[in-house]
Amino acid sequence: MKYDKKSARIYALLKGLQAEFFGIFVMLFFWAVAKAMGLFANLMFGFTGLMCVVCILADYGLKQGSSAASADKLHDDDVGSKFGWQLGLIAMMPFAVTAALLMISKLSGGFDFLAIYKLANACLFPLLDIFAHSPDIKDFRLGVFALIVPYLALFPISTYIGFKWGYNKVDLKDMIVYKKK
């Protein structure tokens, strides 16, 4: 069976949204303990939210890379190991759009998009809360965008690495347990 790039792209978008769905739970647990735990909660749940993105998209990339490698070998498809970048960029698109809207909101001052952005990017919420605790865009500094760019980069990077490992049939168990002995 040939590799279906179209359905892989659609599922990539859904996997990005799945990461956001898990991020909502991270954000809810963060809200439950934030007052009692303080900054430690921000860091702990912020890391957990980022790991949701990395793990979900790397797992998806790993499975898709394995399927693509099989299709390339058995059916002479031409998917290649770089298709993971495209899948990651597609998964990142909704979050890039919200980041662009946040930038427009900050620069224009015409509308306040920060509260919606925080909810729409729940995986990043605990870390954003450190630097932009207020839901008002006027209190949001442009320097916080330096935190948003690496967050967006997690989507294509983790998907690409997972895809490449799946495509090249890298066995993580051998890498971790046996350390190439």
Protein backbone atom coordinates (compact mmCIF):
# COMPACT_ATOMS: atom_id res chain seq x y z
CA MET A 1 0.00 0.00 0.00
CA LYS A 2 1.32 3.42 -0.93
CA TYR A 3 1.98 6.00 1.74
CA ASP A 4 -0.92 8.45 2.00
CA LYS A 5 0.64 11.90 2.43
CA LYS A 6 -2.73 13.65 2.49
CA SER A 7 -4.06 11.73 5.48
CA ALA A 8 -0.66 12.06 7.20
CA ARG A 9 -0.94 15.84 6.87
CA ILE A 10 -4.48 15.86 8.27
CA TYR A 11 -3.46 13.67 11.19
CA ALA A 12 -0.46 15.93 11.82
CA LEU A 13 -2.85 18.83 12.33
CA LEU A 14 -4.97 16.67 14.63
CA LYS A 15 -1.90 15.58 16.61
CA GLY A 16 -1.01 19.23 17.19
CA LEU A 17 -4.52 19.79 18.49
CA GLN A 18 -4.24 16.64 20.59
CA ALA A 19 -1.15 18.08 22.26
CA GLU A 20 -3.19 21.19 23.00
CA PHE A 21 -5.97 19.03 24.46
CA PHE A 22 -3.50 17.48 26.90
CA GLY A 23 -2.15 20.96 27.56
CA ILE A 24 -5.59 22.00 28.79
CA PHE A 25 -5.38 19.34 31.50
CA VAL A 26 -1.89 20.52 32.41
CA MET A 27 -3.22 24.06 32.68
CA LEU A 28 -6.14 22.97 34.86
CA PHE A 29 -3.85 21.10 37.26
CA PHE A 30 -1.55 24.13 37.26
CA TRP A 31 -4.44 26.39 38.25
CA ALA A 32 -5.31 23.99 41.07
CA VAL A 33 -1.89 24.18 42.72
CA ALA A 34 -0.37 27.44 41.47
CA LYS A 35 -1.19 29.50 44.53
CA ALA A 36 0.19 26.93 46.97
CA MET A 37 3.32 26.00 45.00
CA GLY A 38 4.26 29.36 43.49
CA LEU A 39 7.02 29.55 40.88
CA PHE A 40 7.82 25.85 41.23
CA ALA A 41 4.36 25.05 39.84
CA ASN A 42 5.01 27.30 36.85
CA LEU A 43 8.27 25.53 36.08
CA MET A 44 7.01 22.01 36.73
CA PHE A 45 3.78 22.32 34.79
CA GLY A 46 5.46 24.41 32.09
CA PHE A 47 7.94 21.60 31.49
CA THR A 48 5.08 19.07 31.53
CA GLY A 49 3.16 21.07 28.93
CA LEU A 50 6.19 21.26 26.65
CA MET A 51 6.78 17.53 27.06
CA CYS A 52 3.18 16.89 25.98
CA VAL A 53 3.98 18.58 22.68
CA VAL A 54 7.31 16.80 22.26
CA CYS A 55 6.09 13.32 23.16
CA ILE A 56 2.85 13.37 21.17
CA LEU A 57 4.45 14.76 18.02
CA ALA A 58 7.61 12.65 18.25
CA ASP A 59 5.50 9.53 18.66
CA TYR A 60 3.40 10.50 15.66
CA GLY A 61 6.54 11.21 13.62
CA LEU A 62 8.05 7.88 14.65
CA LYS A 63 5.00 5.94 13.49
CA GLN A 64 4.67 7.90 10.26
CA GLY A 65 8.38 7.57 9.51
CA SER A 66 8.18 3.82 9.92
CA SER A 67 5.17 3.65 7.59
CA ALA A 68 6.88 5.88 5.04
CA ALA A 69 10.04 3.77 5.10
CA SER A 70 8.02 0.62 4.50
CA ALA A 71 6.15 2.25 1.62
CA ASP A 72 9.42 3.50 0.11
CA LYS A 73 10.96 0.05 0.34
CA LEU A 74 7.99 -2.06 -0.72
CA HIS A 75 6.22 0.18 -3.21
CA ASP A 76 8.98 2.45 -4.48
CA ASP A 77 7.32 5.54 -3.02
CA ASP A 78 9.41 8.67 -2.77
CA VAL A 79 8.37 9.98 0.66
CA GLY A 80 11.90 10.47 1.99
CA SER A 81 13.02 11.16 5.53
CA LYS A 82 12.47 14.93 5.31
CA PHE A 83 8.69 14.67 5.12
CA GLY A 84 8.65 14.95 8.93
CA TRP A 85 9.42 18.68 8.65
CA GLN A 86 6.27 19.21 6.65
CA LEU A 87 4.17 17.24 9.13
CA GLY A 88 5.59 19.27 12.03
CA LEU A 89 4.95 22.57 10.28
CA ILE A 90 1.36 21.55 9.63
CA ALA A 91 0.91 20.59 13.30
CA MET A 92 2.33 23.99 14.28
CA MET A 93 0.06 26.09 12.00
CA PRO A 94 -2.84 26.80 14.41
CA PHE A 95 -0.40 27.89 17.10
CA ALA A 96 1.59 30.05 14.68
CA VAL A 97 -1.65 31.76 13.65
CA THR A 98 -2.49 32.51 17.28
CA ALA A 99 1.04 33.83 17.85
CA ALA A 100 0.66 36.12 14.82
CA LEU A 101 -2.68 37.36 16.14
CA LEU A 102 -1.06 38.01 19.53
CA MET A 103 1.71 40.04 17.86
CA ILE A 104 -0.85 42.03 15.86
CA SER A 105 -2.84 42.58 19.05
CA LYS A 106 0.22 43.84 20.91
CA LEU A 107 1.48 46.11 18.15
CA SER A 108 -1.85 47.54 17.04
CA GLY A 109 -3.51 47.85 20.42
CA GLY A 110 -6.85 47.49 18.65
CA PHE A 111 -7.93 44.34 20.46
CA ASP A 112 -6.81 42.29 23.45
CA PHE A 113 -5.93 38.74 22.38
CA LEU A 114 -3.74 37.68 25.32
CA ALA A 115 -6.38 35.80 27.34
CA ILE A 116 -7.50 33.89 24.26
CA TYR A 117 -3.89 33.17 23.33
CA LYS A 118 -3.16 31.76 26.77
CA LEU A 119 -6.15 29.45 26.55
CA ALA A 120 -5.44 28.47 22.94
CA ASN A 121 -1.83 27.60 23.86
CA ALA A 122 -2.48 25.84 27.14
CA CYS A 123 0.76 23.84 26.97
CA LEU A 124 2.66 27.11 27.23
CA PHE A 125 0.33 28.73 29.79
CA PRO A 126 2.33 27.99 32.99
CA LEU A 127 5.52 29.45 31.50
CA LEU A 128 3.72 32.45 30.04
CA ASP A 129 2.16 33.05 33.44
CA ILE A 130 5.62 33.77 34.87
CA PHE A 131 6.23 36.67 32.49
CA ALA A 132 2.67 37.76 31.69
CA HIS A 133 0.55 37.08 34.75
CA SER A 134 -2.08 39.64 33.79
CA PRO A 135 -4.58 38.80 31.02
CA ASP A 136 -4.22 42.37 29.70
CA ILE A 137 -2.16 42.83 26.52
CA LYS A 138 -0.84 46.15 27.83
CA ASP A 139 1.13 44.29 30.51
CA PHE A 140 2.59 41.87 27.94
CA ARG A 141 6.18 42.71 26.99
CA LEU A 142 7.45 42.09 23.48
CA GLY A 143 10.40 40.18 24.95
CA VAL A 144 8.03 37.35 25.91
CA PHE A 145 7.85 36.48 22.21
CA ALA A 146 11.35 35.07 22.75
CA LEU A 147 9.58 32.31 24.72
CA ILE A 148 6.93 31.70 22.07
CA VAL A 149 9.33 31.10 19.15
CA PRO A 150 11.10 28.08 20.71
CA TYR A 151 7.69 26.72 21.72
CA LEU A 152 6.56 26.86 18.10
CA ALA A 153 9.83 25.25 16.99
CA LEU A 154 9.08 22.21 19.17
CA PHE A 155 6.36 21.12 16.74
CA PRO A 156 8.46 20.65 13.58
CA ILE A 157 11.65 19.63 15.40
CA SER A 158 10.09 16.86 17.48
CA THR A 159 8.02 15.58 14.55
CA TYR A 160 11.05 15.59 12.24
CA ILE A 161 13.31 13.78 14.69
CA GLY A 162 10.63 11.16 15.37
CA PHE A 163 9.95 10.78 11.65
CA LYS A 164 13.64 10.43 10.83
CA TRP A 165 14.16 7.83 13.56
CA GLY A 166 11.14 5.87 12.34
CA TYR A 167 12.22 6.15 8.73
CA ASN A 168 15.76 4.99 9.52
CA LYS A 169 14.46 2.24 11.85
CA VAL A 170 16.40 3.58 14.84
CA ASP A 171 15.79 1.36 17.85
CA LEU A 172 15.59 3.61 20.90
CA LYS A 173 15.74 0.65 23.27
CA ASP A 174 19.14 -0.34 21.88
CA MET A 175 20.35 3.25 22.04
CA ILE A 176 19.30 3.77 25.66
CA VAL A 177 19.77 0.36 27.24
CA TYR A 178 22.74 -1.01 25.37
CA LYS A 179 24.38 2.29 24.39
CA LYS A 180 25.79 0.73 21.21
CA LYS A 181 28.03 -1.75 23.08
